[in-house]
N, C-alpha and C. Protein backbone atom coordinates (compact mmCIF):
# COMPACT_ATOMS: atom_id res chain seq x y z
N UNK A 1 70.72 33.18 -25.91
CA UNK A 1 69.56 32.88 -26.90
C UNK A 1 69.84 31.57 -26.28
N UNK A 2 68.43 30.76 -26.19
CA UNK A 2 67.33 30.39 -25.84
C UNK A 2 67.87 28.86 -26.97
N UNK A 3 67.93 27.85 -25.37
CA UNK A 3 68.10 26.46 -27.27
C UNK A 3 66.58 25.48 -26.94
N UNK A 4 66.31 25.83 -28.00
CA UNK A 4 64.94 24.58 -28.09
C UNK A 4 64.91 22.86 -27.97
N UNK A 5 64.42 22.56 -26.95
CA UNK A 5 64.96 21.21 -26.79
C UNK A 5 64.61 20.12 -28.01
N UNK A 6 65.50 19.08 -28.08
CA UNK A 6 65.80 18.33 -29.25
C UNK A 6 64.69 17.08 -29.41
N UNK A 7 64.34 16.93 -30.26
CA UNK A 7 62.75 16.22 -30.42
C UNK A 7 63.30 14.61 -30.62
N UNK A 8 62.09 14.10 -29.70
CA UNK A 8 62.38 12.43 -29.57
C UNK A 8 61.93 11.57 -30.56
N UNK A 9 63.10 11.09 -31.70
CA UNK A 9 62.68 10.33 -32.97
C UNK A 9 62.15 9.97 -32.72
N UNK A 10 62.37 8.72 -31.09
CA UNK A 10 62.63 7.27 -30.47
C UNK A 10 60.42 7.40 -29.78
N UNK A 11 60.15 8.81 -29.73
CA UNK A 11 59.16 8.15 -28.39
C UNK A 11 58.09 8.55 -29.56
N UNK A 12 57.66 8.60 -30.39
CA UNK A 12 56.69 8.80 -31.47
C UNK A 12 56.17 7.09 -31.84
N UNK A 13 57.37 6.60 -31.95
CA UNK A 13 57.43 4.98 -32.83
C UNK A 13 56.34 4.03 -31.93
N UNK A 14 55.78 3.68 -32.42
CA UNK A 14 54.78 2.40 -31.70
C UNK A 14 55.92 1.02 -31.95
N UNK A 15 55.85 -0.12 -31.35
CA UNK A 15 56.26 -1.38 -31.54
C UNK A 15 55.04 -2.18 -32.35
N UNK A 16 55.96 -2.72 -33.16
CA UNK A 16 54.86 -3.78 -33.43
C UNK A 16 54.15 -5.17 -32.44
N UNK A 17 55.24 -5.48 -31.57
CA UNK A 17 54.36 -5.63 -30.44
C UNK A 17 53.59 -5.19 -29.20
N UNK A 18 53.70 -3.24 -29.06
CA UNK A 18 52.57 -2.69 -28.79
C UNK A 18 51.46 -2.80 -29.54
N UNK A 19 51.74 -2.98 -31.06
CA UNK A 19 50.73 -2.45 -31.88
C UNK A 19 49.45 -4.31 -31.86
N UNK A 20 50.45 -5.47 -31.17
CA UNK A 20 49.40 -6.56 -31.68
C UNK A 20 49.25 -6.57 -29.79
N UNK A 21 49.45 -6.23 -29.08
CA UNK A 21 48.32 -6.59 -28.26
C UNK A 21 48.15 -5.46 -27.82
N UNK A 22 47.71 -4.30 -28.58
CA UNK A 22 46.81 -3.43 -28.03
C UNK A 22 45.49 -4.31 -29.14
N UNK A 23 45.83 -4.95 -30.03
CA UNK A 23 44.97 -5.23 -31.01
C UNK A 23 44.03 -6.37 -30.05
N UNK A 24 45.27 -7.49 -29.95
CA UNK A 24 44.77 -8.55 -28.81
C UNK A 24 43.34 -8.07 -27.40
N UNK A 25 43.91 -7.19 -27.31
CA UNK A 25 42.73 -6.42 -25.77
C UNK A 25 42.00 -5.89 -26.71
N UNK A 26 41.66 -5.27 -27.96
CA UNK A 26 40.72 -5.11 -28.65
C UNK A 26 39.85 -5.71 -28.95
N UNK A 27 40.51 -7.32 -29.32
CA UNK A 27 39.32 -8.23 -29.41
C UNK A 27 39.53 -9.04 -28.76
N UNK A 28 40.06 -9.38 -27.67
CA UNK A 28 39.80 -9.85 -26.72
C UNK A 28 38.07 -10.44 -26.22
N UNK A 29 37.99 -11.63 -25.87
CA UNK A 29 36.11 -12.30 -25.83
C UNK A 29 35.63 -12.07 -24.06
N UNK A 30 36.83 -11.23 -23.35
CA UNK A 30 36.81 -10.86 -21.64
C UNK A 30 37.70 -9.37 -21.90
N UNK A 31 36.71 -8.38 -22.04
CA UNK A 31 37.77 -7.07 -21.44
C UNK A 31 37.62 -6.85 -20.74
N UNK A 32 37.69 -7.90 -19.42
CA UNK A 32 38.31 -7.27 -18.40
C UNK A 32 37.42 -6.71 -17.01
N UNK A 33 37.85 -6.21 -16.16
CA UNK A 33 36.74 -5.06 -14.97
C UNK A 33 36.19 -6.44 -14.43
N UNK A 34 34.97 -5.93 -13.81
CA UNK A 34 34.13 -6.82 -12.71
C UNK A 34 33.06 -7.62 -13.53
N UNK A 35 32.51 -8.22 -13.66
CA UNK A 35 30.79 -8.38 -14.09
C UNK A 35 29.97 -7.39 -13.51
N UNK A 36 29.02 -7.14 -14.33
CA UNK A 36 27.23 -6.27 -13.89
C UNK A 36 26.96 -6.45 -12.90
N UNK A 37 26.50 -6.12 -11.51
CA UNK A 37 25.99 -6.59 -10.90
C UNK A 37 24.30 -6.60 -11.61
N UNK A 38 24.01 -7.85 -10.70
CA UNK A 38 22.14 -7.96 -11.03
C UNK A 38 21.69 -6.72 -10.26
N UNK A 39 20.21 -6.32 -10.89
CA UNK A 39 19.07 -5.25 -10.40
C UNK A 39 19.09 -6.12 -9.06
N UNK A 40 18.95 -7.26 -8.39
CA UNK A 40 18.54 -7.67 -7.02
C UNK A 40 19.93 -7.37 -6.09
N UNK A 41 20.98 -6.98 -6.84
CA UNK A 41 22.29 -7.57 -5.91
C UNK A 41 23.11 -5.79 -5.68
N UNK A 42 22.45 -4.97 -6.65
CA UNK A 42 22.61 -3.94 -6.11
C UNK A 42 22.22 -3.10 -5.44
N UNK A 43 22.97 -2.21 -4.56
CA UNK A 43 22.15 -1.64 -3.51
C UNK A 43 22.33 0.20 -4.06
N UNK A 44 20.78 -0.13 -4.01
CA UNK A 44 20.80 1.62 -4.67
C UNK A 44 19.61 2.70 -4.15
N UNK A 45 19.13 1.78 -2.80
CA UNK A 45 17.76 2.85 -2.60
C UNK A 45 18.78 3.50 -1.63
N UNK A 46 18.48 4.49 -0.85
CA UNK A 46 18.51 5.42 0.08
C UNK A 46 17.91 5.52 1.31
N UNK A 47 18.17 5.83 2.85
CA UNK A 47 17.43 5.82 3.83
C UNK A 47 18.13 6.66 4.82
N UNK A 48 16.93 8.39 4.84
CA UNK A 48 17.71 8.78 6.07
C UNK A 48 17.26 8.59 7.80
N UNK A 49 18.07 8.49 8.44
CA UNK A 49 17.48 8.51 9.65
C UNK A 49 17.76 9.70 10.87
N UNK A 50 17.17 9.88 11.41
CA UNK A 50 17.18 11.46 11.94
C UNK A 50 17.39 10.47 14.05
N UNK A 51 18.50 10.50 14.39
CA UNK A 51 19.14 10.00 16.01
C UNK A 51 18.62 11.28 16.65
N UNK A 52 18.59 10.31 18.13
CA UNK A 52 19.36 11.86 18.86
C UNK A 52 20.92 11.93 18.73
N UNK A 53 21.33 12.44 19.91
CA UNK A 53 22.25 12.92 20.02
C UNK A 53 23.26 11.32 20.75
N UNK A 54 21.98 10.96 22.02
CA UNK A 54 22.30 9.60 22.88
C UNK A 54 22.43 8.22 21.74
N UNK A 55 21.15 8.20 20.75
CA UNK A 55 21.66 7.07 19.67
C UNK A 55 22.71 7.05 19.11
N UNK A 56 23.01 8.39 18.52
CA UNK A 56 24.15 8.17 17.48
C UNK A 56 25.44 7.67 18.29
N UNK A 57 25.30 8.19 19.60
CA UNK A 57 26.33 7.86 20.62
C UNK A 57 27.10 6.86 20.49
N UNK A 58 25.97 6.20 20.99
CA UNK A 58 25.30 4.51 21.19
C UNK A 58 26.20 3.85 19.96
N UNK A 59 25.75 3.85 19.01
CA UNK A 59 26.60 3.33 17.65
C UNK A 59 27.64 3.91 17.59
N UNK A 60 27.58 4.90 16.92
CA UNK A 60 29.50 5.28 17.60
C UNK A 60 29.93 3.96 18.59
N UNK A 61 29.84 4.20 19.71
CA UNK A 61 30.81 3.66 20.33
C UNK A 61 31.12 1.77 20.29
N UNK A 62 29.24 1.62 19.13
CA UNK A 62 28.95 0.48 18.25
C UNK A 62 29.89 -0.25 17.71
N UNK A 63 30.79 0.90 16.42
CA UNK A 63 30.83 0.40 15.53
C UNK A 63 32.36 0.70 15.71
N UNK A 64 32.58 1.51 16.76
CA UNK A 64 34.00 1.92 17.06
C UNK A 64 34.44 0.00 17.87
N UNK A 65 34.13 -0.38 18.59
CA UNK A 65 34.00 -1.37 19.37
C UNK A 65 34.47 -2.87 18.45
N UNK A 66 33.10 -2.67 17.37
CA UNK A 66 33.43 -3.99 16.25
C UNK A 66 33.73 -3.91 14.94
N UNK A 67 34.22 -2.38 14.73
CA UNK A 67 35.07 -2.45 13.60
C UNK A 67 34.12 -2.02 12.19
N UNK A 68 33.20 -1.97 12.23
CA UNK A 68 31.92 -2.70 11.79
C UNK A 68 31.77 -1.34 11.02
N UNK A 69 30.82 -0.80 9.99
CA UNK A 69 31.05 0.54 9.38
C UNK A 69 29.22 0.56 10.21
N UNK A 70 29.34 2.15 10.38
CA UNK A 70 27.52 2.32 10.53
C UNK A 70 26.21 1.66 9.52
N UNK A 71 26.69 1.74 8.20
CA UNK A 71 25.73 1.34 7.06
C UNK A 71 25.74 -0.25 7.17
N UNK A 72 26.57 -0.85 7.15
CA UNK A 72 27.00 -2.66 7.72
C UNK A 72 26.08 -3.07 9.00
N UNK A 73 26.58 -2.02 10.31
CA UNK A 73 25.48 -2.31 11.63
C UNK A 73 24.31 -2.57 11.63
N UNK A 74 23.81 -1.68 10.44
CA UNK A 74 22.31 -1.26 10.95
C UNK A 74 22.02 -1.88 10.04
N UNK A 75 22.13 -2.05 8.45
CA UNK A 75 21.74 -3.62 7.72
C UNK A 75 21.88 -4.97 8.45
N UNK A 76 22.85 -5.52 8.71
CA UNK A 76 22.93 -6.76 9.58
C UNK A 76 21.29 -6.58 10.68
N UNK A 77 21.18 -5.26 11.93
CA UNK A 77 19.72 -5.59 12.51
C UNK A 77 19.28 -5.66 11.85
N UNK A 78 19.03 -5.38 10.86
CA UNK A 78 17.81 -5.32 10.08
C UNK A 78 17.65 -6.28 9.46
N UNK A 79 18.38 -7.20 9.11
CA UNK A 79 18.71 -8.77 8.48
C UNK A 79 18.19 -9.34 10.20
N UNK A 80 18.96 -9.52 10.66
CA UNK A 80 18.83 -10.66 12.18
C UNK A 80 17.23 -10.11 12.66
N UNK A 81 16.76 -8.88 12.70
CA UNK A 81 15.49 -8.81 13.32
C UNK A 81 13.78 -9.33 11.98
N UNK A 82 14.66 -10.11 10.64
CA UNK A 82 14.14 -10.19 9.69
C UNK A 82 12.95 -9.04 9.21
N UNK A 83 13.61 -8.01 8.95
CA UNK A 83 12.79 -6.86 8.25
C UNK A 83 13.24 -6.76 6.83
N UNK A 84 14.43 -7.05 6.54
CA UNK A 84 14.96 -7.49 5.18
C UNK A 84 15.88 -8.71 5.01
C-alpha cells in the first residue's frame, strides 16, 4: 500500500514579519532596480556591416589583443574619427 506524504502545516503559514516586509517593499518610494535610461543614452539603432575575410581577421586580431568587443572597437574608432 502506498503512503501519501504528510502535509506540512507550517508551509502555508506566513509570518507577521514576512507580511510587514512585503508591505514595506510594496509601499517603498524607490521600488529598486536601475533607473530608466534617457532616449539619448539608449543604444537602440543597429548598423549591419559586410567585410572581406581579411578585414574581419584584422578586426578579430585587434580585439583579441585589446580585449575590447568588436562593437566597442568600431564605436570607439568612429568616435575618434569624429563621425559620432
